[in-house]
């Protein structure tokens, strides 16, 4: 579901915002953010690889 959402430009910004919120909530921990969003860690890692801004956000949060 998340992958199809990211393919649709209309929903892409909303999905990115939700992922960013989850990453901030969990201190950049992708596994915990994935559980919070109801997606697999594999999906979360794929999204982070495809969206450099989210990857940098996760790294910044982990460095705190």
PDB file of N, CA and C in Angstrom:
ATOM      1  N   UNK A   1       0.818  -1.192   0.000  1.00  0.00           N
ATOM      2  CA  UNK A   1       0.000   0.000   0.000  1.00  0.00           C
ATOM      3  C   UNK A   1       0.863   1.257   0.000  1.00  0.00           C
ATOM      4  N   UNK A   2       1.905   1.288   0.843  1.00  0.00           N
ATOM      5  CA  UNK A   2       2.757   2.475   0.921  1.00  0.00           C
ATOM      6  C   UNK A   2       3.434   2.732  -0.415  1.00  0.00           C
ATOM      7  N   UNK A   3       3.884   1.691  -1.075  1.00  0.00           N
ATOM      8  CA  UNK A   3       4.566   1.859  -2.360  1.00  0.00           C
ATOM      9  C   UNK A   3       3.624   2.460  -3.398  1.00  0.00           C
ATOM     10  N   UNK A   4       2.398   1.975  -3.469  1.00  0.00           N
ATOM     11  CA  UNK A   4       1.443   2.535  -4.428  1.00  0.00           C
ATOM     12  C   UNK A   4       1.093   3.967  -4.060  1.00  0.00           C
ATOM     13  N   UNK A   5       1.070   4.270  -2.786  1.00  0.00           N
ATOM     14  CA  UNK A   5       0.815   5.639  -2.337  1.00  0.00           C
ATOM     15  C   UNK A   5       1.928   6.558  -2.792  1.00  0.00           C
ATOM     16  N   UNK A   6       3.170   6.134  -2.677  1.00  0.00           N
ATOM     17  CA  UNK A   6       4.294   6.967  -3.082  1.00  0.00           C
ATOM     18  C   UNK A   6       4.360   7.138  -4.592  1.00  0.00           C
ATOM     19  N   UNK A   7       3.767   6.224  -5.349  1.00  0.00           N
ATOM     20  CA  UNK A   7       3.756   6.348  -6.800  1.00  0.00           C
ATOM     21  C   UNK A   7       2.760   7.413  -7.249  1.00  0.00           C
ATOM     22  N   UNK A   8       1.770   7.708  -6.436  1.00  0.00           N
ATOM     23  CA  UNK A   8       0.752   8.696  -6.758  1.00  0.00           C
ATOM     24  C   UNK A   8       1.185  10.062  -6.225  1.00  0.00           C
ATOM     25  N   UNK A   9       1.453  11.019  -7.110  1.00  0.00           N
ATOM     26  CA  UNK A   9       1.955  12.330  -6.659  1.00  0.00           C
ATOM     27  C   UNK A   9       1.013  13.042  -5.699  1.00  0.00           C
ATOM     28  N   UNK A  10      -0.275  12.773  -5.817  1.00  0.00           N
ATOM     29  CA  UNK A  10      -1.245  13.420  -4.953  1.00  0.00           C
ATOM     30  C   UNK A  10      -1.039  13.036  -3.488  1.00  0.00           C
ATOM     31  N   UNK A  11      -0.699  11.788  -3.246  1.00  0.00           N
ATOM     32  CA  UNK A  11      -0.545  11.294  -1.884  1.00  0.00           C
ATOM     33  C   UNK A  11       0.905  11.258  -1.400  1.00  0.00           C
ATOM     34  N   UNK A  12       1.859  11.481  -2.300  1.00  0.00           N
ATOM     35  CA  UNK A  12       3.271  11.346  -1.952  1.00  0.00           C
ATOM     36  C   UNK A  12       3.672  12.289  -0.814  1.00  0.00           C
ATOM     37  N   UNK A  13       3.263  13.546  -0.889  1.00  0.00           N
ATOM     38  CA  UNK A  13       3.633  14.495   0.171  1.00  0.00           C
ATOM     39  C   UNK A  13       3.052  14.095   1.514  1.00  0.00           C
ATOM     40  N   UNK A  14       1.825  13.618   1.517  1.00  0.00           N
ATOM     41  CA  UNK A  14       1.193  13.195   2.775  1.00  0.00           C
ATOM     42  C   UNK A  14       1.919  11.980   3.359  1.00  0.00           C
ATOM     43  N   UNK A  15       2.277  11.027   2.502  1.00  0.00           N
ATOM     44  CA  UNK A  15       2.986   9.831   2.963  1.00  0.00           C
ATOM     45  C   UNK A  15       4.351  10.211   3.529  1.00  0.00           C
ATOM     46  N   UNK A  16       5.055  11.100   2.849  1.00  0.00           N
ATOM     47  CA  UNK A  16       6.369  11.536   3.322  1.00  0.00           C
ATOM     48  C   UNK A  16       6.237  12.246   4.661  1.00  0.00           C
ATOM     49  N   UNK A  17       5.203  13.062   4.807  1.00  0.00           N
ATOM     50  CA  UNK A  17       4.978  13.763   6.078  1.00  0.00           C
ATOM     51  C   UNK A  17       4.701  12.773   7.208  1.00  0.00           C
ATOM     52  N   UNK A  18       3.923  11.736   6.931  1.00  0.00           N
ATOM     53  CA  UNK A  18       3.624  10.724   7.954  1.00  0.00           C
ATOM     54  C   UNK A  18       4.869   9.933   8.335  1.00  0.00           C
ATOM     55  N   UNK A  19       5.679   9.601   7.359  1.00  0.00           N
ATOM     56  CA  UNK A  19       6.915   8.873   7.630  1.00  0.00           C
ATOM     57  C   UNK A  19       7.861   9.757   8.439  1.00  0.00           C
ATOM     58  N   UNK A  20       7.961  11.023   8.068  1.00  0.00           N
ATOM     59  CA  UNK A  20       8.820  11.951   8.808  1.00  0.00           C
ATOM     60  C   UNK A  20       8.350  12.085  10.255  1.00  0.00           C
ATOM     61  N   UNK A  21       7.046  12.167  10.455  1.00  0.00           N
ATOM     62  CA  UNK A  21       6.495  12.260  11.811  1.00  0.00           C
ATOM     63  C   UNK A  21       6.868  11.025  12.637  1.00  0.00           C
ATOM     64  N   UNK A  22       6.726   9.858  12.025  1.00  0.00           N
ATOM     65  CA  UNK A  22       7.042   8.615  12.729  1.00  0.00           C
ATOM     66  C   UNK A  22       8.535   8.526  13.039  1.00  0.00           C
ATOM     67  N   UNK A  23       9.370   8.946  12.101  1.00  0.00           N
ATOM     68  CA  UNK A  23      10.813   8.918  12.346  1.00  0.00           C
ATOM     69  C   UNK A  23      11.193   9.862  13.481  1.00  0.00           C
ATOM     70  N   UNK A  24      10.598  11.042  13.517  1.00  0.00           N
ATOM     71  CA  UNK A  24      10.880  11.992  14.606  1.00  0.00           C
ATOM     72  C   UNK A  24      10.390  11.433  15.935  1.00  0.00           C
ATOM     73  N   UNK A  25       9.214  10.856  15.931  1.00  0.00           N
ATOM     74  CA  UNK A  25       8.635  10.286  17.156  1.00  0.00           C
ATOM     75  C   UNK A  25       9.523   9.193  17.747  1.00  0.00           C
ATOM     76  N   UNK A  26      10.172   8.432  16.874  1.00  0.00           N
ATOM     77  CA  UNK A  26      10.974   7.289  17.318  1.00  0.00           C
ATOM     78  C   UNK A  26      12.479   7.541  17.226  1.00  0.00           C
ATOM     79  N   UNK A  27      12.853   8.800  17.214  1.00  0.00           N
ATOM     80  CA  UNK A  27      14.272   9.144  17.249  1.00  0.00           C
ATOM     81  C   UNK A  27      15.079   8.632  16.068  1.00  0.00           C
ATOM     82  N   UNK A  28      14.450   8.559  14.897  1.00  0.00           N
ATOM     83  CA  UNK A  28      15.150   8.104  13.703  1.00  0.00           C
ATOM     84  C   UNK A  28      15.207   6.590  13.554  1.00  0.00           C
ATOM     85  N   UNK A  29      14.601   5.865  14.474  1.00  0.00           N
ATOM     86  CA  UNK A  29      14.613   4.403  14.416  1.00  0.00           C
ATOM     87  C   UNK A  29      13.605   3.927  13.370  1.00  0.00           C
ATOM     88  N   UNK A  30      14.108   3.430  12.256  1.00  0.00           N
ATOM     89  CA  UNK A  30      13.255   3.027  11.139  1.00  0.00           C
ATOM     90  C   UNK A  30      12.376   1.834  11.491  1.00  0.00           C
ATOM     91  N   UNK A  31      12.879   0.913  12.291  1.00  0.00           N
ATOM     92  CA  UNK A  31      12.092  -0.259  12.671  1.00  0.00           C
ATOM     93  C   UNK A  31      10.875   0.153  13.488  1.00  0.00           C
ATOM     94  N   UNK A  32      11.063   0.997  14.466  1.00  0.00           N
ATOM     95  CA  UNK A  32       9.958   1.440  15.304  1.00  0.00           C
ATOM     96  C   UNK A  32       8.975   2.290  14.500  1.00  0.00           C
ATOM     97  N   UNK A  33       9.503   3.124  13.602  1.00  0.00           N
ATOM     98  CA  UNK A  33       8.636   3.942  12.750  1.00  0.00           C
ATOM     99  C   UNK A  33       7.796   3.048  11.835  1.00  0.00           C
ATOM    100  N   UNK A  34       8.400   2.003  11.303  1.00  0.00           N
ATOM    101  CA  UNK A  34       7.673   1.078  10.429  1.00  0.00           C
ATOM    102  C   UNK A  34       6.537   0.404  11.183  1.00  0.00           C
ATOM    103  N   UNK A  35       6.805  -0.046  12.398  1.00  0.00           N
ATOM    104  CA  UNK A  35       5.765  -0.680  13.210  1.00  0.00           C
ATOM    105  C   UNK A  35       4.638   0.320  13.471  1.00  0.00           C
ATOM    106  N   UNK A  36       5.000   1.552  13.814  1.00  0.00           N
ATOM    107  CA  UNK A  36       4.022   2.601  14.075  1.00  0.00           C
ATOM    108  C   UNK A  36       3.132   2.844  12.859  1.00  0.00           C
ATOM    109  N   UNK A  37       3.714   2.776  11.663  1.00  0.00           N
ATOM    110  CA  UNK A  37       2.962   3.019  10.428  1.00  0.00           C
ATOM    111  C   UNK A  37       2.276   1.764   9.889  1.00  0.00           C
ATOM    112  N   UNK A  38       2.617   0.619  10.433  1.00  0.00           N
ATOM    113  CA  UNK A  38       2.000  -0.625   9.981  1.00  0.00           C
ATOM    114  C   UNK A  38       2.579  -1.164   8.682  1.00  0.00           C
ATOM    115  N   UNK A  39       3.861  -0.885   8.444  1.00  0.00           N
ATOM    116  CA  UNK A  39       4.536  -1.405   7.255  1.00  0.00           C
ATOM    117  C   UNK A  39       5.735  -2.233   7.690  1.00  0.00           C
ATOM    118  N   UNK A  40       6.259  -3.025   6.779  1.00  0.00           N
ATOM    119  CA  UNK A  40       7.421  -3.841   7.119  1.00  0.00           C
ATOM    120  C   UNK A  40       8.684  -2.987   7.133  1.00  0.00           C
ATOM    121  N   UNK A  41       9.692  -3.458   7.829  1.00  0.00           N
ATOM    122  CA  UNK A  41      10.968  -2.746   7.860  1.00  0.00           C
ATOM    123  C   UNK A  41      11.575  -2.731   6.460  1.00  0.00           C
ATOM    124  N   UNK A  42      11.340  -3.758   5.696  1.00  0.00           N
ATOM    125  CA  UNK A  42      11.842  -3.797   4.315  1.00  0.00           C
ATOM    126  C   UNK A  42      11.243  -2.656   3.490  1.00  0.00           C
ATOM    127  N   UNK A  43       9.954  -2.441   3.639  1.00  0.00           N
ATOM    128  CA  UNK A  43       9.296  -1.331   2.944  1.00  0.00           C
ATOM    129  C   UNK A  43       9.854   0.001   3.418  1.00  0.00           C
ATOM    130  N   UNK A  44      10.036   0.132   4.717  1.00  0.00           N
ATOM    131  CA  UNK A  44      10.569   1.383   5.272  1.00  0.00           C
ATOM    132  C   UNK A  44      11.972   1.651   4.727  1.00  0.00           C
ATOM    133  N   UNK A  45      12.805   0.634   4.694  1.00  0.00           N
ATOM    134  CA  UNK A  45      14.164   0.818   4.171  1.00  0.00           C
ATOM    135  C   UNK A  45      14.156   1.197   2.695  1.00  0.00           C
ATOM    136  N   UNK A  46      13.239   0.616   1.938  1.00  0.00           N
ATOM    137  CA  UNK A  46      13.127   0.939   0.523  1.00  0.00           C
ATOM    138  C   UNK A  46      12.703   2.399   0.348  1.00  0.00           C
ATOM    139  N   UNK A  47      11.762   2.851   1.145  1.00  0.00           N
ATOM    140  CA  UNK A  47      11.314   4.244   1.070  1.00  0.00           C
ATOM    141  C   UNK A  47      12.449   5.187   1.457  1.00  0.00           C
ATOM    142  N   UNK A  48      13.187   4.852   2.492  1.00  0.00           N
ATOM    143  CA  UNK A  48      14.314   5.691   2.905  1.00  0.00           C
ATOM    144  C   UNK A  48      15.377   5.762   1.810  1.00  0.00           C
ATOM    145  N   UNK A  49      15.577   4.661   1.095  1.00  0.00           N
ATOM    146  CA  UNK A  49      16.552   4.648   0.009  1.00  0.00           C
ATOM    147  C   UNK A  49      16.078   5.494  -1.175  1.00  0.00           C
ATOM    148  N   UNK A  50      14.775   5.532  -1.388  1.00  0.00           N
ATOM    149  CA  UNK A  50      14.215   6.269  -2.520  1.00  0.00           C
ATOM    150  C   UNK A  50      14.021   7.753  -2.220  1.00  0.00           C
ATOM    151  N   UNK A  51      13.948   8.115  -0.961  1.00  0.00           N
ATOM    152  CA  UNK A  51      13.715   9.507  -0.562  1.00  0.00           C
ATOM    153  C   UNK A  51      14.884  10.008   0.284  1.00  0.00           C
ATOM    154  N   UNK A  52      15.870  10.636  -0.341  1.00  0.00           N
ATOM    155  CA  UNK A  52      17.058  11.101   0.396  1.00  0.00           C
ATOM    156  C   UNK A  52      16.729  12.043   1.554  1.00  0.00           C
ATOM    157  N   UNK A  53      15.681  12.833   1.425  1.00  0.00           N
ATOM    158  CA  UNK A  53      15.330  13.759   2.510  1.00  0.00           C
ATOM    159  C   UNK A  53      14.905  12.998   3.765  1.00  0.00           C
ATOM    160  N   UNK A  54      14.199  11.890   3.599  1.00  0.00           N
ATOM    161  CA  UNK A  54      13.795  11.082   4.750  1.00  0.00           C
ATOM    162  C   UNK A  54      14.993  10.368   5.366  1.00  0.00           C
ATOM    163  N   UNK A  55      15.893   9.909   4.514  1.00  0.00           N
ATOM    164  CA  UNK A  55      17.093   9.237   5.010  1.00  0.00           C
ATOM    165  C   UNK A  55      17.928  10.194   5.858  1.00  0.00           C
ATOM    166  N   UNK A  56      18.076  11.434   5.379  1.00  0.00           N
ATOM    167  CA  UNK A  56      18.836  12.435   6.136  1.00  0.00           C
ATOM    168  C   UNK A  56      18.126  12.779   7.437  1.00  0.00           C
ATOM    169  N   UNK A  57      16.809  12.854   7.413  1.00  0.00           N
ATOM    170  CA  UNK A  57      16.044  13.124   8.625  1.00  0.00           C
ATOM    171  C   UNK A  57      16.287  12.036   9.660  1.00  0.00           C
ATOM    172  N   UNK A  58      16.234  10.784   9.229  1.00  0.00           N
ATOM    173  CA  UNK A  58      16.459   9.670  10.146  1.00  0.00           C
ATOM    174  C   UNK A  58      17.867   9.739  10.738  1.00  0.00           C
ATOM    175  N   UNK A  59      18.858  10.056   9.913  1.00  0.00           N
ATOM    176  CA  UNK A  59      20.239  10.162  10.400  1.00  0.00           C
ATOM    177  C   UNK A  59      20.386  11.293  11.412  1.00  0.00           C
ATOM    178  N   UNK A  60      19.749  12.433  11.128  1.00  0.00           N
ATOM    179  CA  UNK A  60      19.808  13.566  12.071  1.00  0.00           C
ATOM    180  C   UNK A  60      19.157  13.220  13.401  1.00  0.00           C
ATOM    181  N   UNK A  61      18.017  12.551  13.341  1.00  0.00           N
ATOM    182  CA  UNK A  61      17.303  12.181  14.569  1.00  0.00           C
ATOM    183  C   UNK A  61      18.117  11.182  15.394  1.00  0.00           C
ATOM    184  N   UNK A  62      18.766  10.239  14.725  1.00  0.00           N
ATOM    185  CA  UNK A  62      19.572   9.247  15.441  1.00  0.00           C
ATOM    186  C   UNK A  62      20.789   9.905  16.090  1.00  0.00           C
ATOM    187  N   UNK A  63      21.308  10.962  15.470  1.00  0.00           N
ATOM    188  CA  UNK A  63      22.506  11.631  15.980  1.00  0.00           C
ATOM    189  C   UNK A  63      22.222  12.492  17.217  1.00  0.00           C
ATOM    190  N   UNK A  64      20.975  12.765  17.484  1.00  0.00           N
ATOM    191  CA  UNK A  64      20.605  13.601  18.637  1.00  0.00           C
ATOM    192  C   UNK A  64      20.990  12.991  19.924  1.00  0.00           C
TER     193      UNK A  64
END
